[in-house]
Amino acid sequence: MIIVRVYGVVRNNKGDYLLSTEEYSGKRFTKFIGGGLEQGEGTRDCLKREIMEETGRNADILNHLYTTDFYLQSAFNPNDQIISIYYSASIDDAESMPLKPMPNEHLNQVLQWVPQAKLHPDMVTFPADKHLVKWLGSR
C-alpha cells in the first residue's frame, strides 16, 4: 500500500524550526509536525488538521517545499511505501509557543523549537526528514 504523509516546516520569528517527538507502536521518533493523509482529504487540508491536532492552533499552509522522489519503506509496516510531502506553514501566534518541550498527553508527544544553526539530520528519525534537513541546509 502507498501511504501519503504531509508535513509542515514551521518556523518562528527567530528562525527556529518546530519538531515533534512522538511515540507510536512502541517506537519513539522525532519528525516535522504532520501526519497521514485521510480518505477524501487534500494535502493542505491534511496538514491544517494535523497541526490543529498536534498544537491546538490554526495554521496557514504556505508553499510546497519538497515531495520525496525516492523509494521509502514504512518504518511500521515493511509492505507499505511512504510518500512524504512538505510545505512551509505558519502557525497562529507561534511566538507564544514555548521554546522548551511541551507535552501533549493525547498524542504522547513533545514539541520543541530547534534553532536553525542546530538543526541537523541526526535530530530527526525518518529518512525523508533527514533528506529535507540536508536540503534546508543547502538553501
C-alpha atoms as a PDB file:
ATOM      1  CA  MET A   1       0.000   0.000   0.000  1.00  0.00           C
ATOM      2  CA  ILE A   2       1.138   3.548  -0.659  1.00  0.00           C
ATOM      3  CA  ILE A   3       0.803   5.873   2.338  1.00  0.00           C
ATOM      4  CA  VAL A   4       0.915   9.666   1.902  1.00  0.00           C
ATOM      5  CA  ARG A   5       2.309  11.702   4.789  1.00  0.00           C
ATOM      6  CA  VAL A   6       2.117  15.510   4.868  1.00  0.00           C
ATOM      7  CA  TYR A   7       4.440  17.646   6.977  1.00  0.00           C
ATOM      8  CA  GLY A   8       4.806  21.300   7.853  1.00  0.00           C
ATOM      9  CA  VAL A   9       8.091  23.127   8.065  1.00  0.00           C
ATOM     10  CA  VAL A  10       7.127  25.703  10.673  1.00  0.00           C
ATOM     11  CA  ARG A  11       9.471  28.468  11.802  1.00  0.00           C
ATOM     12  CA  ASN A  12       9.096  31.200  14.365  1.00  0.00           C
ATOM     13  CA  ASN A  13      10.382  34.783  14.036  1.00  0.00           C
ATOM     14  CA  LYS A  14      13.790  33.702  15.357  1.00  0.00           C
ATOM     15  CA  GLY A  15      14.117  31.179  12.526  1.00  0.00           C
ATOM     16  CA  ASP A  16      13.730  28.165  14.821  1.00  0.00           C
ATOM     17  CA  TYR A  17      12.116  25.020  13.396  1.00  0.00           C
ATOM     18  CA  LEU A  18       9.254  23.183  15.091  1.00  0.00           C
ATOM     19  CA  LEU A  19       9.891  19.462  15.638  1.00  0.00           C
ATOM     20  CA  SER A  20       7.718  16.820  17.267  1.00  0.00           C
ATOM     21  CA  THR A  21       8.886  13.810  19.262  1.00  0.00           C
ATOM     22  CA  GLU A  22       6.200  11.142  19.438  1.00  0.00           C
ATOM     23  CA  GLU A  23       5.638   7.503  20.228  1.00  0.00           C
ATOM     24  CA  TYR A  24       3.693   5.109  18.010  1.00  0.00           C
ATOM     25  CA  SER A  25       3.583   1.292  18.060  1.00  0.00           C
ATOM     26  CA  GLY A  26       6.255   1.257  20.750  1.00  0.00           C
ATOM     27  CA  LYS A  27       8.685   3.322  18.667  1.00  0.00           C
ATOM     28  CA  ARG A  28       9.836   6.810  19.648  1.00  0.00           C
ATOM     29  CA  PHE A  29      10.742   9.213  16.819  1.00  0.00           C
ATOM     30  CA  THR A  30      11.350  12.884  16.041  1.00  0.00           C
ATOM     31  CA  LYS A  31       9.919  14.475  12.916  1.00  0.00           C
ATOM     32  CA  PHE A  32       8.490  17.629  11.428  1.00  0.00           C
ATOM     33  CA  ILE A  33       4.911  18.263  12.510  1.00  0.00           C
ATOM     34  CA  GLY A  34       2.263  16.500  10.433  1.00  0.00           C
ATOM     35  CA  GLY A  35       0.907  13.075   9.645  1.00  0.00           C
ATOM     36  CA  GLY A  36      -1.121  10.824   7.416  1.00  0.00           C
ATOM     37  CA  LEU A  37      -3.487  11.842   4.645  1.00  0.00           C
ATOM     38  CA  GLU A  38      -7.022  10.572   5.225  1.00  0.00           C
ATOM     39  CA  GLN A  39      -9.505   9.401   2.579  1.00  0.00           C
ATOM     40  CA  GLY A  40     -11.206  12.341   0.851  1.00  0.00           C
ATOM     41  CA  GLU A  41      -8.702  14.889   2.171  1.00  0.00           C
ATOM     42  CA  GLY A  42      -6.394  17.178   0.201  1.00  0.00           C
ATOM     43  CA  THR A  43      -2.776  17.559   1.266  1.00  0.00           C
ATOM     44  CA  ARG A  44      -3.171  21.129   2.535  1.00  0.00           C
ATOM     45  CA  ASP A  45      -6.327  20.236   4.482  1.00  0.00           C
ATOM     46  CA  CYS A  46      -4.495  17.261   5.946  1.00  0.00           C
ATOM     47  CA  LEU A  47      -1.679  19.467   7.188  1.00  0.00           C
ATOM     48  CA  LYS A  48      -4.069  22.017   8.677  1.00  0.00           C
ATOM     49  CA  ARG A  49      -5.861  19.218  10.537  1.00  0.00           C
ATOM     50  CA  GLU A  50      -2.607  17.660  11.745  1.00  0.00           C
ATOM     51  CA  ILE A  51      -1.264  20.983  13.009  1.00  0.00           C
ATOM     52  CA  MET A  52      -4.516  21.637  14.870  1.00  0.00           C
ATOM     53  CA  GLU A  53      -4.424  18.140  16.390  1.00  0.00           C
ATOM     54  CA  GLU A  54      -0.778  18.436  17.444  1.00  0.00           C
ATOM     55  CA  THR A  55      -0.648  22.071  18.580  1.00  0.00           C
ATOM     56  CA  GLY A  56      -4.241  23.173  19.129  1.00  0.00           C
ATOM     57  CA  ARG A  57      -3.606  26.100  16.773  1.00  0.00           C
ATOM     58  CA  ASN A  58      -4.725  27.139  13.314  1.00  0.00           C
ATOM     59  CA  ALA A  59      -2.197  27.202  10.520  1.00  0.00           C
ATOM     60  CA  ASP A  60      -1.701  28.765   7.121  1.00  0.00           C
ATOM     61  CA  ILE A  61      -0.191  26.410   4.593  1.00  0.00           C
ATOM     62  CA  LEU A  62       2.178  28.481   2.511  1.00  0.00           C
ATOM     63  CA  ASN A  63       4.133  26.892  -0.309  1.00  0.00           C
ATOM     64  CA  HIS A  64       5.133  23.403  -1.344  1.00  0.00           C
ATOM     65  CA  LEU A  65       8.762  22.715  -0.461  1.00  0.00           C
ATOM     66  CA  TYR A  66       9.503  19.125  -1.338  1.00  0.00           C
ATOM     67  CA  THR A  67       7.990  15.730  -2.179  1.00  0.00           C
ATOM     68  CA  THR A  68      10.081  12.606  -1.793  1.00  0.00           C
ATOM     69  CA  ASP A  69      11.353  11.367  -5.112  1.00  0.00           C
ATOM     70  CA  PHE A  70      12.923   8.134  -3.881  1.00  0.00           C
ATOM     71  CA  TYR A  71      11.547   4.870  -2.517  1.00  0.00           C
ATOM     72  CA  LEU A  72      10.733   4.884   1.205  1.00  0.00           C
ATOM     73  CA  GLN A  73       9.657   1.762   3.040  1.00  0.00           C
ATOM     74  CA  SER A  74       7.421   2.369   6.036  1.00  0.00           C
ATOM     75  CA  ALA A  75       9.151   2.123   9.412  1.00  0.00           C
ATOM     76  CA  PHE A  76       5.991   0.492  10.788  1.00  0.00           C
ATOM     77  CA  ASN A  77       4.923  -1.900   8.012  1.00  0.00           C
ATOM     78  CA  PRO A  78       7.503  -3.291   5.551  1.00  0.00           C
ATOM     79  CA  ASN A  79       4.753  -3.845   2.956  1.00  0.00           C
ATOM     80  CA  ASP A  80       3.907  -0.127   2.799  1.00  0.00           C
ATOM     81  CA  GLN A  81       5.599   2.583   0.755  1.00  0.00           C
ATOM     82  CA  ILE A  82       5.665   6.159   2.055  1.00  0.00           C
ATOM     83  CA  ILE A  83       5.406   9.345   0.025  1.00  0.00           C
ATOM     84  CA  SER A  84       6.199  12.437   2.113  1.00  0.00           C
ATOM     85  CA  ILE A  85       5.072  15.920   1.099  1.00  0.00           C
ATOM     86  CA  TYR A  86       6.463  19.008   2.831  1.00  0.00           C
ATOM     87  CA  TYR A  87       5.003  22.516   2.911  1.00  0.00           C
ATOM     88  CA  SER A  88       6.153  25.624   4.665  1.00  0.00           C
ATOM     89  CA  ALA A  89       3.482  26.556   7.171  1.00  0.00           C
ATOM     90  CA  SER A  90       2.719  29.323   9.619  1.00  0.00           C
ATOM     91  CA  ILE A  91       1.025  28.707  12.976  1.00  0.00           C
ATOM     92  CA  ASP A  92      -1.170  31.351  14.591  1.00  0.00           C
ATOM     93  CA  ASP A  93       0.733  33.029  17.412  1.00  0.00           C
ATOM     94  CA  ALA A  94       3.742  30.697  17.044  1.00  0.00           C
ATOM     95  CA  GLU A  95       5.816  33.125  19.084  1.00  0.00           C
ATOM     96  CA  SER A  96       3.830  32.247  22.189  1.00  0.00           C
ATOM     97  CA  MET A  97       4.628  28.558  21.812  1.00  0.00           C
ATOM     98  CA  PRO A  98       7.229  27.528  24.380  1.00  0.00           C
ATOM     99  CA  LEU A  99      10.914  27.355  23.483  1.00  0.00           C
ATOM    100  CA  LYS A 100      11.173  24.266  25.671  1.00  0.00           C
ATOM    101  CA  PRO A 101       9.483  20.863  25.298  1.00  0.00           C
ATOM    102  CA  MET A 102       5.706  20.983  25.614  1.00  0.00           C
ATOM    103  CA  PRO A 103       3.984  17.681  26.482  1.00  0.00           C
ATOM    104  CA  ASN A 104       0.839  16.722  24.616  1.00  0.00           C
ATOM    105  CA  GLU A 105      -0.743  13.910  26.651  1.00  0.00           C
ATOM    106  CA  HIS A 106      -3.222  12.974  23.899  1.00  0.00           C
ATOM    107  CA  LEU A 107      -0.512  12.122  21.383  1.00  0.00           C
ATOM    108  CA  ASN A 108       2.279  11.179  23.815  1.00  0.00           C
ATOM    109  CA  GLN A 109       4.145  13.977  22.077  1.00  0.00           C
ATOM    110  CA  VAL A 110       6.667  16.684  22.906  1.00  0.00           C
ATOM    111  CA  LEU A 111       7.005  19.762  20.676  1.00  0.00           C
ATOM    112  CA  GLN A 112      10.207  21.770  20.602  1.00  0.00           C
ATOM    113  CA  TRP A 113      11.739  24.709  18.764  1.00  0.00           C
ATOM    114  CA  VAL A 114      15.166  23.935  17.315  1.00  0.00           C
ATOM    115  CA  PRO A 115      17.422  26.841  16.306  1.00  0.00           C
ATOM    116  CA  GLN A 116      18.350  26.829  12.621  1.00  0.00           C
ATOM    117  CA  ALA A 117      22.064  26.629  13.451  1.00  0.00           C
ATOM    118  CA  LYS A 118      21.481  23.438  15.465  1.00  0.00           C
ATOM    119  CA  LEU A 119      19.139  21.648  13.039  1.00  0.00           C
ATOM    120  CA  HIS A 120      20.978  18.521  11.887  1.00  0.00           C
ATOM    121  CA  PRO A 121      19.843  15.359  10.054  1.00  0.00           C
ATOM    122  CA  ASP A 122      20.661  13.263  13.130  1.00  0.00           C
ATOM    123  CA  MET A 123      17.983  15.156  15.103  1.00  0.00           C
ATOM    124  CA  VAL A 124      15.168  13.580  13.061  1.00  0.00           C
ATOM    125  CA  THR A 125      14.355   9.900  12.738  1.00  0.00           C
ATOM    126  CA  PHE A 126      12.967   9.194   9.291  1.00  0.00           C
ATOM    127  CA  PRO A 127      14.960   9.183   6.024  1.00  0.00           C
ATOM    128  CA  ALA A 128      12.652  11.708   4.301  1.00  0.00           C
ATOM    129  CA  ASP A 129      13.079  14.184   7.184  1.00  0.00           C
ATOM    130  CA  LYS A 130      16.862  13.656   7.162  1.00  0.00           C
ATOM    131  CA  HIS A 131      16.860  14.401   3.431  1.00  0.00           C
ATOM    132  CA  LEU A 132      14.765  17.533   3.975  1.00  0.00           C
ATOM    133  CA  VAL A 133      17.077  18.811   6.736  1.00  0.00           C
ATOM    134  CA  LYS A 134      20.049  18.444   4.370  1.00  0.00           C
ATOM    135  CA  TRP A 135      18.069  20.223   1.634  1.00  0.00           C
ATOM    136  CA  LEU A 136      17.133  23.061   4.005  1.00  0.00           C
ATOM    137  CA  GLY A 137      20.800  23.443   4.949  1.00  0.00           C
ATOM    138  CA  SER A 138      21.818  23.804   1.312  1.00  0.00           C
ATOM    139  CA  ARG A 139      19.368  26.652   0.603  1.00  0.00           C
END
